């Protein structure tokens, strides 16, 4: 299969004049072997840099380069704490994996607590589920079935609560929809009643006017 090399001129041709594109890979350069200089990071926000560091850290982790992976995660945390704090649970979750693989239960427990706090602050239930799954996997892998069972029970409780919350949200949405329809029906009924009342008044006034006219004609 043939692939077209990335060029800075391609995105503006699609997005139009408003697009402001800065190419990192010079035209004519092999993008698979190109390594951007440190100065290239100046064009990225702290949040974007942090996300790149997380991906690089996970690649290093998968290669069992644990010290380098930890350094990448720490760099990501420093940049993302103020730029995008609700992305912190993802990084702390990766740290749980890292400290589990390197047999550092104290650091792993600390990362777990940070995940829970950040997830609670941002209302991210899935991050809490992920963190508990990592703890279950770690304790199971080292044969500590007691702690694995403890975290498994917590995970089941979270799954049940998450499912209940989703169900409750659906019920609330349906109830709100029903109340809206009921309100619309009441307003429509009131409008019809007003129309009938106005019709009755107009008919009554018209009939009374005809009677007066007939009486006057009878005398004259």
N, C-alpha and C. Protein backbone atom coordinates (compact mmCIF):
# COMPACT_ATOMS: atom_id res chain seq x y z
N UNK A 1 0.84 -1.19 0.00
CA UNK A 1 0.00 0.00 0.00
C UNK A 1 0.87 1.24 0.00
N UNK A 2 0.45 2.27 -0.73
CA UNK A 2 1.21 3.51 -0.79
C UNK A 2 0.52 4.55 0.09
N UNK A 3 1.32 5.36 0.77
CA UNK A 3 0.78 6.42 1.62
C UNK A 3 1.37 7.74 1.19
N UNK A 4 0.58 8.80 1.32
CA UNK A 4 1.07 10.13 0.96
C UNK A 4 1.80 10.72 2.15
N UNK A 5 2.95 11.34 1.95
CA UNK A 5 3.69 11.94 3.07
C UNK A 5 2.94 13.15 3.61
N UNK A 6 2.97 13.39 4.94
CA UNK A 6 2.28 14.54 5.51
C UNK A 6 2.98 15.83 5.12
N UNK A 7 2.22 16.82 4.70
CA UNK A 7 2.79 18.12 4.33
C UNK A 7 1.97 19.21 4.97
N UNK A 8 2.61 20.32 5.40
CA UNK A 8 1.88 21.43 6.03
C UNK A 8 0.87 22.07 5.11
N UNK A 9 1.01 21.86 3.79
CA UNK A 9 0.09 22.51 2.85
C UNK A 9 -1.24 21.78 2.75
N UNK A 10 -1.30 20.53 3.24
CA UNK A 10 -2.53 19.74 3.09
C UNK A 10 -3.68 20.24 3.96
N UNK A 11 -3.50 20.44 5.29
CA UNK A 11 -4.62 20.89 6.13
C UNK A 11 -5.26 22.20 5.70
N UNK A 12 -4.47 23.27 5.35
CA UNK A 12 -5.12 24.51 4.92
C UNK A 12 -5.96 24.34 3.67
N UNK A 13 -5.54 23.44 2.78
CA UNK A 13 -6.31 23.23 1.55
C UNK A 13 -7.67 22.63 1.85
N UNK A 14 -7.78 21.96 3.02
CA UNK A 14 -9.05 21.37 3.42
C UNK A 14 -9.85 22.32 4.30
N UNK A 15 -9.16 22.93 5.29
CA UNK A 15 -9.86 23.78 6.27
C UNK A 15 -10.13 25.18 5.75
N UNK A 16 -9.33 25.66 4.77
CA UNK A 16 -9.55 27.00 4.24
C UNK A 16 -8.64 28.03 4.91
N UNK A 17 -8.93 29.29 4.64
CA UNK A 17 -8.09 30.39 5.12
C UNK A 17 -7.99 30.50 6.65
N UNK A 18 -9.07 30.21 7.43
CA UNK A 18 -8.96 30.40 8.88
C UNK A 18 -7.92 29.49 9.53
N UNK A 19 -7.50 28.41 8.88
CA UNK A 19 -6.59 27.45 9.48
C UNK A 19 -5.19 28.03 9.60
N UNK A 20 -4.58 27.88 10.79
CA UNK A 20 -3.21 28.32 11.02
C UNK A 20 -2.40 27.08 11.34
N UNK A 21 -1.69 26.57 10.35
CA UNK A 21 -1.01 25.27 10.47
C UNK A 21 0.49 25.45 10.52
N UNK A 22 1.11 24.79 11.51
CA UNK A 22 2.56 24.77 11.61
C UNK A 22 3.01 23.32 11.45
N UNK A 23 3.76 23.04 10.42
CA UNK A 23 4.23 21.67 10.19
C UNK A 23 5.44 21.34 11.03
N UNK A 24 5.41 20.18 11.68
CA UNK A 24 6.54 19.71 12.46
C UNK A 24 7.50 18.90 11.60
N UNK A 25 6.95 18.18 10.63
CA UNK A 25 7.78 17.34 9.76
C UNK A 25 8.03 18.11 8.46
N UNK A 26 9.28 18.47 8.18
CA UNK A 26 9.57 19.21 6.94
C UNK A 26 9.19 18.39 5.71
N UNK A 27 8.76 19.08 4.67
CA UNK A 27 8.39 18.39 3.43
C UNK A 27 9.60 17.66 2.86
N UNK A 28 9.35 16.44 2.38
CA UNK A 28 10.42 15.63 1.83
C UNK A 28 11.16 14.80 2.85
N UNK A 29 10.70 14.90 4.15
CA UNK A 29 11.35 14.14 5.24
C UNK A 29 10.54 12.89 5.55
N UNK A 30 11.22 11.81 5.86
CA UNK A 30 10.55 10.56 6.24
C UNK A 30 9.95 10.75 7.63
N UNK A 31 8.61 10.74 7.70
CA UNK A 31 7.93 10.99 8.99
C UNK A 31 8.12 9.86 9.97
N UNK A 32 8.49 8.66 9.50
CA UNK A 32 8.66 7.51 10.38
C UNK A 32 9.98 7.57 11.14
N UNK A 33 10.96 8.25 10.58
CA UNK A 33 12.28 8.33 11.23
C UNK A 33 12.57 9.72 11.79
N UNK A 34 11.71 10.69 11.46
CA UNK A 34 11.93 12.07 11.90
C UNK A 34 11.74 12.21 13.41
N UNK A 35 12.66 12.91 14.06
CA UNK A 35 12.55 13.20 15.49
C UNK A 35 12.51 14.71 15.66
N UNK A 36 11.39 15.26 16.14
CA UNK A 36 11.29 16.72 16.26
C UNK A 36 12.24 17.25 17.32
N UNK A 37 12.80 18.44 17.11
CA UNK A 37 13.68 19.05 18.12
C UNK A 37 12.86 19.53 19.31
N UNK A 38 13.49 19.72 20.47
CA UNK A 38 12.76 20.20 21.66
C UNK A 38 12.04 21.52 21.42
N UNK A 39 12.57 22.34 20.50
CA UNK A 39 11.95 23.65 20.23
C UNK A 39 10.57 23.52 19.62
N UNK A 40 10.26 22.34 19.05
CA UNK A 40 8.94 22.14 18.43
C UNK A 40 7.83 22.18 19.45
N UNK A 41 8.15 21.91 20.72
CA UNK A 41 7.13 21.87 21.78
C UNK A 41 6.55 23.25 22.07
N UNK A 42 7.26 24.31 21.66
CA UNK A 42 6.77 25.66 21.97
C UNK A 42 5.45 25.97 21.30
N UNK A 43 5.14 25.26 20.20
CA UNK A 43 3.88 25.49 19.49
C UNK A 43 2.71 24.71 20.08
N UNK A 44 2.98 23.88 21.11
CA UNK A 44 1.94 23.08 21.72
C UNK A 44 1.55 23.64 23.08
N UNK A 45 0.28 23.50 23.44
CA UNK A 45 -0.17 23.91 24.76
C UNK A 45 0.35 22.94 25.80
N UNK A 46 0.29 23.32 27.07
CA UNK A 46 0.72 22.42 28.15
C UNK A 46 -0.10 21.14 28.15
N UNK A 47 -1.40 21.28 27.90
CA UNK A 47 -2.27 20.09 27.90
C UNK A 47 -1.89 19.14 26.77
N UNK A 48 -1.59 19.70 25.58
CA UNK A 48 -1.20 18.85 24.45
C UNK A 48 0.14 18.17 24.71
N UNK A 49 1.08 18.93 25.28
CA UNK A 49 2.38 18.34 25.61
C UNK A 49 2.22 17.21 26.62
N UNK A 50 1.35 17.43 27.61
CA UNK A 50 1.14 16.42 28.64
C UNK A 50 0.59 15.13 28.03
N UNK A 51 -0.36 15.28 27.10
CA UNK A 51 -0.95 14.08 26.47
C UNK A 51 0.09 13.31 25.65
N UNK A 52 0.99 14.06 25.02
CA UNK A 52 2.05 13.40 24.26
C UNK A 52 2.98 12.66 25.21
N UNK A 53 3.30 13.29 26.35
CA UNK A 53 4.16 12.64 27.34
C UNK A 53 3.53 11.36 27.88
N UNK A 54 2.20 11.39 28.07
CA UNK A 54 1.51 10.19 28.56
C UNK A 54 1.65 9.05 27.56
N UNK A 55 1.46 9.37 26.27
CA UNK A 55 1.58 8.34 25.24
C UNK A 55 3.01 7.81 25.15
N UNK A 56 3.97 8.72 25.24
CA UNK A 56 5.38 8.29 25.21
C UNK A 56 5.70 7.44 26.44
N UNK A 57 5.15 7.85 27.59
CA UNK A 57 5.38 7.09 28.81
C UNK A 57 4.81 5.69 28.72
N UNK A 58 3.63 5.57 28.11
CA UNK A 58 3.02 4.24 27.99
C UNK A 58 3.81 3.35 27.03
N UNK A 59 4.35 3.95 25.98
CA UNK A 59 5.19 3.18 25.05
C UNK A 59 6.44 2.68 25.77
N UNK A 60 7.05 3.56 26.57
CA UNK A 60 8.23 3.17 27.35
C UNK A 60 7.87 2.09 28.36
N UNK A 61 6.69 2.21 28.97
CA UNK A 61 6.23 1.20 29.92
C UNK A 61 6.07 -0.15 29.24
N UNK A 62 5.48 -0.15 28.05
CA UNK A 62 5.29 -1.41 27.32
C UNK A 62 6.61 -2.05 26.93
N UNK A 63 7.66 -1.21 26.83
CA UNK A 63 9.01 -1.73 26.53
C UNK A 63 9.79 -2.05 27.79
N UNK A 64 9.13 -1.90 28.94
CA UNK A 64 9.72 -2.15 30.25
C UNK A 64 10.85 -1.18 30.59
N UNK A 65 10.78 0.01 29.99
CA UNK A 65 11.70 1.09 30.36
C UNK A 65 11.02 1.91 31.45
N UNK A 66 10.97 1.34 32.65
CA UNK A 66 10.12 1.87 33.70
C UNK A 66 10.55 3.24 34.23
N UNK A 67 11.85 3.45 34.39
CA UNK A 67 12.33 4.74 34.90
C UNK A 67 12.01 5.86 33.93
N UNK A 68 12.25 5.59 32.66
CA UNK A 68 11.94 6.61 31.64
C UNK A 68 10.44 6.87 31.57
N UNK A 69 9.64 5.81 31.70
CA UNK A 69 8.18 5.96 31.68
C UNK A 69 7.71 6.82 32.86
N UNK A 70 8.28 6.56 34.04
CA UNK A 70 7.89 7.35 35.22
C UNK A 70 8.25 8.82 35.04
N UNK A 71 9.41 9.10 34.44
CA UNK A 71 9.82 10.49 34.20
C UNK A 71 8.84 11.18 33.26
N UNK A 72 8.37 10.46 32.23
CA UNK A 72 7.40 11.03 31.29
C UNK A 72 6.07 11.33 31.99
N UNK A 73 5.63 10.40 32.83
CA UNK A 73 4.37 10.61 33.56
C UNK A 73 4.47 11.81 34.49
N UNK A 74 5.60 11.95 35.18
CA UNK A 74 5.79 13.09 36.09
C UNK A 74 5.79 14.40 35.32
N UNK A 75 6.42 14.41 34.15
CA UNK A 75 6.42 15.62 33.32
C UNK A 75 5.00 15.97 32.87
N UNK A 76 4.23 14.93 32.54
CA UNK A 76 2.84 15.14 32.11
C UNK A 76 2.01 15.72 33.24
N UNK A 77 2.21 15.20 34.46
CA UNK A 77 1.45 15.68 35.62
C UNK A 77 1.73 17.16 35.89
N UNK A 78 3.00 17.56 35.82
CA UNK A 78 3.37 18.96 36.06
C UNK A 78 2.67 19.90 35.10
N UNK A 79 2.56 19.49 33.84
CA UNK A 79 1.97 20.36 32.83
C UNK A 79 0.45 20.37 32.88
N UNK A 80 -0.13 19.26 33.27
CA UNK A 80 -1.59 19.13 33.14
C UNK A 80 -2.35 19.55 34.40
N UNK A 81 -1.64 19.71 35.52
CA UNK A 81 -2.32 20.05 36.78
C UNK A 81 -3.12 21.33 36.68
N UNK A 82 -2.57 22.32 36.00
CA UNK A 82 -3.29 23.59 35.85
C UNK A 82 -3.97 23.71 34.50
N UNK A 83 -3.38 23.09 33.47
CA UNK A 83 -3.93 23.22 32.12
C UNK A 83 -5.21 22.43 31.93
N UNK A 84 -5.24 21.20 32.43
CA UNK A 84 -6.41 20.34 32.23
C UNK A 84 -6.49 19.31 33.36
N UNK A 85 -6.83 19.74 34.57
CA UNK A 85 -6.79 18.86 35.75
C UNK A 85 -7.69 17.62 35.65
N UNK A 86 -8.73 17.69 34.84
CA UNK A 86 -9.62 16.53 34.73
C UNK A 86 -9.04 15.42 33.86
N UNK A 87 -7.83 15.66 33.30
CA UNK A 87 -7.12 14.59 32.60
C UNK A 87 -6.16 13.85 33.55
N UNK A 88 -6.04 14.33 34.79
CA UNK A 88 -5.13 13.71 35.75
C UNK A 88 -5.46 12.25 36.05
N UNK A 89 -6.75 11.87 36.18
CA UNK A 89 -7.04 10.46 36.47
C UNK A 89 -6.41 9.49 35.49
N UNK A 90 -6.32 9.87 34.21
CA UNK A 90 -5.71 9.01 33.21
C UNK A 90 -4.25 8.75 33.53
N UNK A 91 -3.52 9.83 33.89
CA UNK A 91 -2.09 9.68 34.17
C UNK A 91 -1.87 8.88 35.44
N UNK A 92 -2.65 9.19 36.48
CA UNK A 92 -2.52 8.45 37.74
C UNK A 92 -2.85 6.97 37.52
N UNK A 93 -3.80 6.70 36.63
CA UNK A 93 -4.13 5.31 36.32
C UNK A 93 -2.96 4.58 35.67
N UNK A 94 -2.25 5.30 34.78
CA UNK A 94 -1.05 4.71 34.16
C UNK A 94 0.03 4.46 35.22
N UNK A 95 0.09 5.35 36.21
CA UNK A 95 1.07 5.15 37.28
C UNK A 95 0.76 3.91 38.11
N UNK A 96 -0.53 3.62 38.31
CA UNK A 96 -0.90 2.39 39.02
C UNK A 96 -0.31 1.18 38.30
N UNK A 97 -0.46 1.16 36.97
CA UNK A 97 0.11 0.07 36.17
C UNK A 97 1.63 -0.01 36.35
N UNK A 98 2.26 1.16 36.28
CA UNK A 98 3.72 1.23 36.37
C UNK A 98 4.22 0.73 37.73
N UNK A 99 3.63 1.24 38.81
CA UNK A 99 4.10 0.86 40.14
C UNK A 99 3.73 -0.59 40.48
N UNK A 100 2.67 -1.08 39.86
CA UNK A 100 2.35 -2.49 40.03
C UNK A 100 3.39 -3.37 39.37
N UNK A 101 3.81 -2.98 38.15
CA UNK A 101 4.81 -3.76 37.41
C UNK A 101 6.17 -3.73 38.09
N UNK A 102 6.46 -2.62 38.79
CA UNK A 102 7.76 -2.48 39.45
C UNK A 102 7.71 -2.85 40.93
N UNK A 103 6.59 -3.46 41.34
CA UNK A 103 6.44 -3.95 42.72
C UNK A 103 6.66 -2.84 43.75
N UNK A 104 5.94 -1.73 43.55
CA UNK A 104 6.00 -0.62 44.51
C UNK A 104 4.59 -0.38 45.05
N UNK A 105 4.12 -1.22 45.97
CA UNK A 105 2.74 -1.14 46.45
C UNK A 105 2.38 0.18 47.14
N UNK A 106 3.35 0.78 47.82
CA UNK A 106 3.08 2.06 48.49
C UNK A 106 2.81 3.15 47.46
N UNK A 107 3.67 3.23 46.45
CA UNK A 107 3.48 4.22 45.39
C UNK A 107 2.21 3.93 44.61
N UNK A 108 1.92 2.66 44.40
CA UNK A 108 0.72 2.27 43.67
C UNK A 108 -0.54 2.70 44.43
N UNK A 109 -0.52 2.49 45.76
CA UNK A 109 -1.66 2.88 46.58
C UNK A 109 -1.84 4.40 46.57
N UNK A 110 -0.71 5.12 46.57
CA UNK A 110 -0.77 6.59 46.51
C UNK A 110 -1.39 7.05 45.19
N UNK A 111 -0.96 6.42 44.08
CA UNK A 111 -1.52 6.76 42.76
C UNK A 111 -3.01 6.43 42.70
N UNK A 112 -3.39 5.32 43.32
CA UNK A 112 -4.81 4.92 43.35
C UNK A 112 -5.65 5.99 44.06
N UNK A 113 -5.14 6.46 45.21
CA UNK A 113 -5.88 7.49 45.96
C UNK A 113 -5.99 8.79 45.16
N UNK A 114 -4.93 9.12 44.42
CA UNK A 114 -4.96 10.33 43.59
C UNK A 114 -5.98 10.20 42.47
N UNK A 115 -6.09 8.99 41.89
CA UNK A 115 -7.10 8.75 40.85
C UNK A 115 -8.49 9.00 41.41
N UNK A 116 -8.78 8.42 42.57
CA UNK A 116 -10.11 8.53 43.17
C UNK A 116 -10.45 9.99 43.47
N UNK A 117 -9.50 10.73 44.04
CA UNK A 117 -9.74 12.14 44.37
C UNK A 117 -10.00 12.97 43.12
N UNK A 118 -9.11 12.79 42.12
CA UNK A 118 -9.26 13.56 40.87
C UNK A 118 -10.55 13.18 40.15
N UNK A 119 -10.89 11.90 40.17
CA UNK A 119 -12.12 11.44 39.51
C UNK A 119 -13.35 12.00 40.22
N UNK A 120 -13.31 12.04 41.55
CA UNK A 120 -14.43 12.61 42.32
C UNK A 120 -14.56 14.11 42.06
N UNK A 121 -13.43 14.80 42.00
CA UNK A 121 -13.44 16.26 41.77
C UNK A 121 -14.05 16.59 40.41
N UNK A 122 -13.79 15.72 39.42
CA UNK A 122 -14.25 15.98 38.06
C UNK A 122 -15.50 15.19 37.68
N UNK A 123 -15.97 14.32 38.61
CA UNK A 123 -17.16 13.53 38.33
C UNK A 123 -16.96 12.51 37.22
N UNK A 124 -15.79 11.85 37.21
CA UNK A 124 -15.48 10.87 36.17
C UNK A 124 -15.55 9.47 36.77
N UNK A 125 -16.69 8.84 36.65
CA UNK A 125 -16.90 7.53 37.26
C UNK A 125 -16.04 6.45 36.60
N UNK A 126 -15.84 6.55 35.28
CA UNK A 126 -15.11 5.51 34.57
C UNK A 126 -13.66 5.42 35.02
N UNK A 127 -13.08 6.55 35.44
CA UNK A 127 -11.70 6.53 35.93
C UNK A 127 -11.60 5.74 37.23
N UNK A 128 -12.62 5.86 38.06
CA UNK A 128 -12.64 5.08 39.30
C UNK A 128 -12.75 3.59 39.00
N UNK A 129 -13.56 3.24 38.02
CA UNK A 129 -13.68 1.84 37.62
C UNK A 129 -12.34 1.30 37.12
N UNK A 130 -11.67 2.09 36.28
CA UNK A 130 -10.38 1.69 35.72
C UNK A 130 -9.36 1.48 36.83
N UNK A 131 -9.32 2.40 37.81
CA UNK A 131 -8.36 2.30 38.90
C UNK A 131 -8.58 1.03 39.72
N UNK A 132 -9.83 0.71 40.01
CA UNK A 132 -10.14 -0.50 40.77
C UNK A 132 -9.77 -1.75 39.97
N UNK A 133 -9.99 -1.71 38.66
CA UNK A 133 -9.61 -2.85 37.81
C UNK A 133 -8.10 -3.09 37.86
N UNK A 134 -7.32 -1.99 37.85
CA UNK A 134 -5.87 -2.11 37.92
C UNK A 134 -5.43 -2.73 39.24
N UNK A 135 -6.10 -2.34 40.32
CA UNK A 135 -5.75 -2.88 41.64
C UNK A 135 -6.09 -4.37 41.72
N UNK A 136 -7.23 -4.76 41.16
CA UNK A 136 -7.61 -6.18 41.15
C UNK A 136 -6.58 -6.99 40.37
N UNK A 137 -6.20 -6.49 39.20
CA UNK A 137 -5.23 -7.20 38.36
C UNK A 137 -3.88 -7.34 39.06
N UNK A 138 -3.45 -6.27 39.73
CA UNK A 138 -2.15 -6.33 40.41
C UNK A 138 -2.15 -7.37 41.52
N UNK A 139 -3.11 -7.30 42.41
CA UNK A 139 -3.12 -8.23 43.55
C UNK A 139 -3.34 -9.67 43.09
N UNK A 140 -4.10 -9.82 42.04
CA UNK A 140 -4.30 -11.16 41.50
C UNK A 140 -3.00 -11.70 40.91
N UNK A 141 -2.23 -10.83 40.25
CA UNK A 141 -0.99 -11.27 39.60
C UNK A 141 0.08 -11.70 40.60
N UNK A 142 0.03 -11.13 41.81
CA UNK A 142 1.05 -11.52 42.81
C UNK A 142 0.51 -12.57 43.77
N UNK A 143 -0.70 -13.04 43.52
CA UNK A 143 -1.27 -14.09 44.35
C UNK A 143 -1.89 -13.62 45.65
N UNK A 144 -2.06 -12.30 45.79
CA UNK A 144 -2.71 -11.76 46.99
C UNK A 144 -4.22 -11.73 46.73
N UNK A 145 -4.84 -12.88 46.84
CA UNK A 145 -6.25 -13.02 46.48
C UNK A 145 -7.19 -12.31 47.46
N UNK A 146 -6.73 -12.11 48.69
CA UNK A 146 -7.55 -11.42 49.68
C UNK A 146 -7.79 -9.97 49.25
N UNK A 147 -6.69 -9.26 48.96
CA UNK A 147 -6.85 -7.86 48.52
C UNK A 147 -7.49 -7.78 47.14
N UNK A 148 -7.21 -8.76 46.30
CA UNK A 148 -7.84 -8.78 44.97
C UNK A 148 -9.36 -8.88 45.13
N UNK A 149 -9.80 -9.70 46.08
CA UNK A 149 -11.24 -9.85 46.32
C UNK A 149 -11.84 -8.57 46.89
N UNK A 150 -11.09 -7.90 47.79
CA UNK A 150 -11.57 -6.64 48.38
C UNK A 150 -11.84 -5.61 47.29
N UNK A 151 -10.87 -5.44 46.39
CA UNK A 151 -11.04 -4.45 45.32
C UNK A 151 -12.06 -4.91 44.28
N UNK A 152 -12.19 -6.20 44.13
CA UNK A 152 -13.21 -6.72 43.21
C UNK A 152 -14.61 -6.39 43.72
N UNK A 153 -14.81 -6.54 45.04
CA UNK A 153 -16.12 -6.19 45.62
C UNK A 153 -16.41 -4.71 45.46
N UNK A 154 -15.38 -3.87 45.65
CA UNK A 154 -15.55 -2.43 45.47
C UNK A 154 -15.87 -2.11 44.01
N UNK A 155 -15.21 -2.82 43.11
CA UNK A 155 -15.46 -2.62 41.69
C UNK A 155 -16.89 -2.99 41.32
N UNK A 156 -17.38 -4.11 41.87
CA UNK A 156 -18.75 -4.53 41.62
C UNK A 156 -19.76 -3.51 42.14
N UNK A 157 -19.45 -2.95 43.33
CA UNK A 157 -20.33 -1.93 43.92
C UNK A 157 -20.37 -0.68 43.05
N UNK A 158 -19.20 -0.29 42.53
CA UNK A 158 -19.14 0.88 41.65
C UNK A 158 -19.90 0.64 40.35
N UNK A 159 -19.73 -0.58 39.80
CA UNK A 159 -20.46 -0.92 38.58
C UNK A 159 -21.96 -0.86 38.79
N UNK A 160 -22.40 -1.36 39.95
CA UNK A 160 -23.83 -1.34 40.27
C UNK A 160 -24.32 0.10 40.43
N UNK A 161 -23.52 0.92 41.13
CA UNK A 161 -23.90 2.33 41.35
C UNK A 161 -23.91 3.09 40.03
N UNK A 162 -22.90 2.82 39.19
CA UNK A 162 -22.82 3.50 37.90
C UNK A 162 -24.01 3.12 37.03
N UNK A 163 -24.36 1.83 37.05
CA UNK A 163 -25.53 1.38 36.29
C UNK A 163 -26.81 1.97 36.82
N UNK A 164 -26.92 2.06 38.16
CA UNK A 164 -28.12 2.64 38.78
C UNK A 164 -28.25 4.12 38.44
N UNK A 165 -27.11 4.82 38.46
CA UNK A 165 -27.12 6.25 38.13
C UNK A 165 -27.57 6.47 36.69
N UNK A 166 -27.05 5.62 35.80
CA UNK A 166 -27.45 5.74 34.39
C UNK A 166 -28.94 5.48 34.24
N UNK A 167 -29.44 4.47 34.96
CA UNK A 167 -30.87 4.15 34.91
C UNK A 167 -31.69 5.30 35.49
N UNK A 168 -31.18 5.89 36.60
CA UNK A 168 -31.89 7.01 37.22
C UNK A 168 -31.94 8.21 36.29
N UNK A 169 -30.84 8.45 35.56
CA UNK A 169 -30.81 9.56 34.61
C UNK A 169 -31.86 9.36 33.51
N UNK A 170 -32.01 8.12 33.05
CA UNK A 170 -33.01 7.83 32.02
C UNK A 170 -34.42 8.09 32.56
N UNK A 171 -34.67 7.62 33.80
CA UNK A 171 -35.99 7.83 34.41
C UNK A 171 -36.27 9.32 34.57
N UNK A 172 -35.26 10.06 35.03
CA UNK A 172 -35.42 11.51 35.22
C UNK A 172 -35.72 12.20 33.90
N UNK A 173 -35.02 11.79 32.85
CA UNK A 173 -35.24 12.38 31.52
C UNK A 173 -36.65 12.09 31.02
N UNK A 174 -37.11 10.85 31.24
CA UNK A 174 -38.47 10.48 30.82
C UNK A 174 -39.51 11.25 31.62
N UNK A 175 -39.24 11.39 32.93
CA UNK A 175 -40.19 12.13 33.79
C UNK A 175 -40.28 13.59 33.36
N UNK A 176 -39.13 14.17 33.05
CA UNK A 176 -39.11 15.56 32.60
C UNK A 176 -39.87 15.71 31.28
N UNK A 177 -39.66 14.74 30.39
CA UNK A 177 -40.36 14.77 29.10
C UNK A 177 -41.86 14.65 29.31
N UNK A 178 -42.27 13.75 30.25
CA UNK A 178 -43.69 13.58 30.55
C UNK A 178 -44.29 14.85 31.12
N UNK A 179 -43.55 15.50 32.05
CA UNK A 179 -44.04 16.74 32.66
C UNK A 179 -44.19 17.83 31.62
N UNK A 180 -43.27 17.88 30.68
CA UNK A 180 -43.35 18.88 29.61
C UNK A 180 -44.58 18.66 28.75
N UNK A 181 -44.81 17.39 28.37
CA UNK A 181 -45.99 17.06 27.57
C UNK A 181 -47.28 17.37 28.33
N UNK A 182 -47.28 17.05 29.63
CA UNK A 182 -48.47 17.30 30.44
C UNK A 182 -48.74 18.80 30.55
N UNK A 183 -47.68 19.59 30.70
CA UNK A 183 -47.82 21.04 30.78
C UNK A 183 -48.37 21.58 29.47
N UNK A 184 -47.85 21.08 28.36
CA UNK A 184 -48.33 21.51 27.04
C UNK A 184 -49.81 21.17 26.88
N UNK A 185 -50.22 19.98 27.36
CA UNK A 185 -51.63 19.57 27.26
C UNK A 185 -52.52 20.48 28.09
N UNK A 186 -52.04 20.87 29.30
CA UNK A 186 -52.82 21.76 30.16
C UNK A 186 -52.99 23.13 29.51
N UNK A 187 -51.91 23.64 28.93
CA UNK A 187 -51.97 24.95 28.28
C UNK A 187 -52.93 24.92 27.09
N UNK A 188 -52.88 23.81 26.35
CA UNK A 188 -53.78 23.67 25.21
C UNK A 188 -55.23 23.63 25.66
N UNK A 189 -55.49 22.91 26.77
CA UNK A 189 -56.85 22.83 27.32
C UNK A 189 -57.33 24.19 27.79
N UNK A 190 -56.46 24.93 28.47
CA UNK A 190 -56.82 26.27 28.94
C UNK A 190 -57.13 27.19 27.77
N UNK A 191 -56.33 27.06 26.71
CA UNK A 191 -56.55 27.90 25.54
C UNK A 191 -57.91 27.59 24.90
N UNK A 192 -58.27 26.32 24.83
CA UNK A 192 -59.56 25.93 24.26
C UNK A 192 -60.70 26.43 25.14
N UNK A 193 -60.53 26.35 26.47
CA UNK A 193 -61.56 26.83 27.39
C UNK A 193 -61.77 28.34 27.23
N UNK A 194 -60.65 29.06 27.05
CA UNK A 194 -60.74 30.51 26.86
C UNK A 194 -61.46 30.83 25.55
N UNK A 195 -61.13 30.06 24.51
CA UNK A 195 -61.79 30.26 23.22
C UNK A 195 -63.29 30.01 23.32
N UNK A 196 -63.68 28.95 24.04
CA UNK A 196 -65.11 28.64 24.23
C UNK A 196 -65.80 29.74 25.02
N UNK A 197 -65.12 30.23 26.05
CA UNK A 197 -65.70 31.29 26.88
C UNK A 197 -65.89 32.56 26.06
N UNK A 198 -64.88 32.88 25.27
CA UNK A 198 -64.99 34.08 24.43
C UNK A 198 -66.11 33.93 23.40
N UNK A 199 -66.23 32.73 22.83
CA UNK A 199 -67.29 32.47 21.86
C UNK A 199 -68.66 32.63 22.51
N UNK A 200 -68.79 32.12 23.76
CA UNK A 200 -70.06 32.22 24.47
C UNK A 200 -70.41 33.68 24.75
N UNK A 201 -69.39 34.47 25.15
CA UNK A 201 -69.63 35.89 25.45
C UNK A 201 -70.03 36.63 24.19
N UNK A 202 -69.32 36.36 23.10
CA UNK A 202 -69.63 37.03 21.83
C UNK A 202 -71.04 36.66 21.37
N UNK A 203 -71.40 35.38 21.51
CA UNK A 203 -72.75 34.92 21.11
C UNK A 203 -73.81 35.58 21.96
N UNK A 204 -73.54 35.65 23.28
CA UNK A 204 -74.51 36.25 24.20
C UNK A 204 -74.71 37.74 23.91
N UNK A 205 -73.58 38.44 23.70
CA UNK A 205 -73.66 39.88 23.41
C UNK A 205 -74.38 40.10 22.09
N UNK A 206 -74.06 39.23 21.09
CA UNK A 206 -74.70 39.36 19.79
C UNK A 206 -76.21 39.12 19.89
N UNK A 207 -76.60 38.10 20.65
CA UNK A 207 -78.03 37.79 20.83
C UNK A 207 -78.74 38.94 21.53
N UNK A 208 -78.10 39.50 22.56
CA UNK A 208 -78.70 40.61 23.30
C UNK A 208 -78.87 41.83 22.39
N UNK A 209 -77.89 42.07 21.53
CA UNK A 209 -77.96 43.21 20.61
C UNK A 209 -79.10 43.02 19.63
N UNK A 210 -79.30 41.77 19.13
CA UNK A 210 -80.39 41.49 18.19
C UNK A 210 -81.74 41.71 18.85
N UNK A 211 -81.87 41.27 20.13
CA UNK A 211 -83.13 41.45 20.86
C UNK A 211 -83.45 42.93 21.00
N UNK A 212 -82.43 43.73 21.35
CA UNK A 212 -82.65 45.18 21.52
C UNK A 212 -83.10 45.81 20.20
N UNK A 213 -82.45 45.39 19.12
CA UNK A 213 -82.80 45.94 17.80
C UNK A 213 -84.24 45.57 17.44
N UNK A 214 -84.64 44.32 17.73
CA UNK A 214 -86.01 43.87 17.42
C UNK A 214 -87.03 44.64 18.26
N UNK A 215 -86.70 44.88 19.52
CA UNK A 215 -87.61 45.64 20.40
C UNK A 215 -87.77 47.05 19.90
N UNK A 216 -86.66 47.66 19.52
CA UNK A 216 -86.73 49.03 19.01
C UNK A 216 -87.53 49.11 17.71
N UNK A 217 -87.35 48.10 16.86
CA UNK A 217 -88.12 48.08 15.60
C UNK A 217 -89.60 47.90 15.85
N UNK A 218 -89.95 47.16 16.90
CA UNK A 218 -91.35 46.93 17.23
C UNK A 218 -92.03 48.22 17.67
N UNK A 219 -91.31 49.08 18.39
CA UNK A 219 -91.89 50.34 18.87
C UNK A 219 -91.92 51.39 17.79
N UNK A 220 -91.04 51.29 16.86
CA UNK A 220 -91.01 52.31 15.80
C UNK A 220 -91.57 51.77 14.49
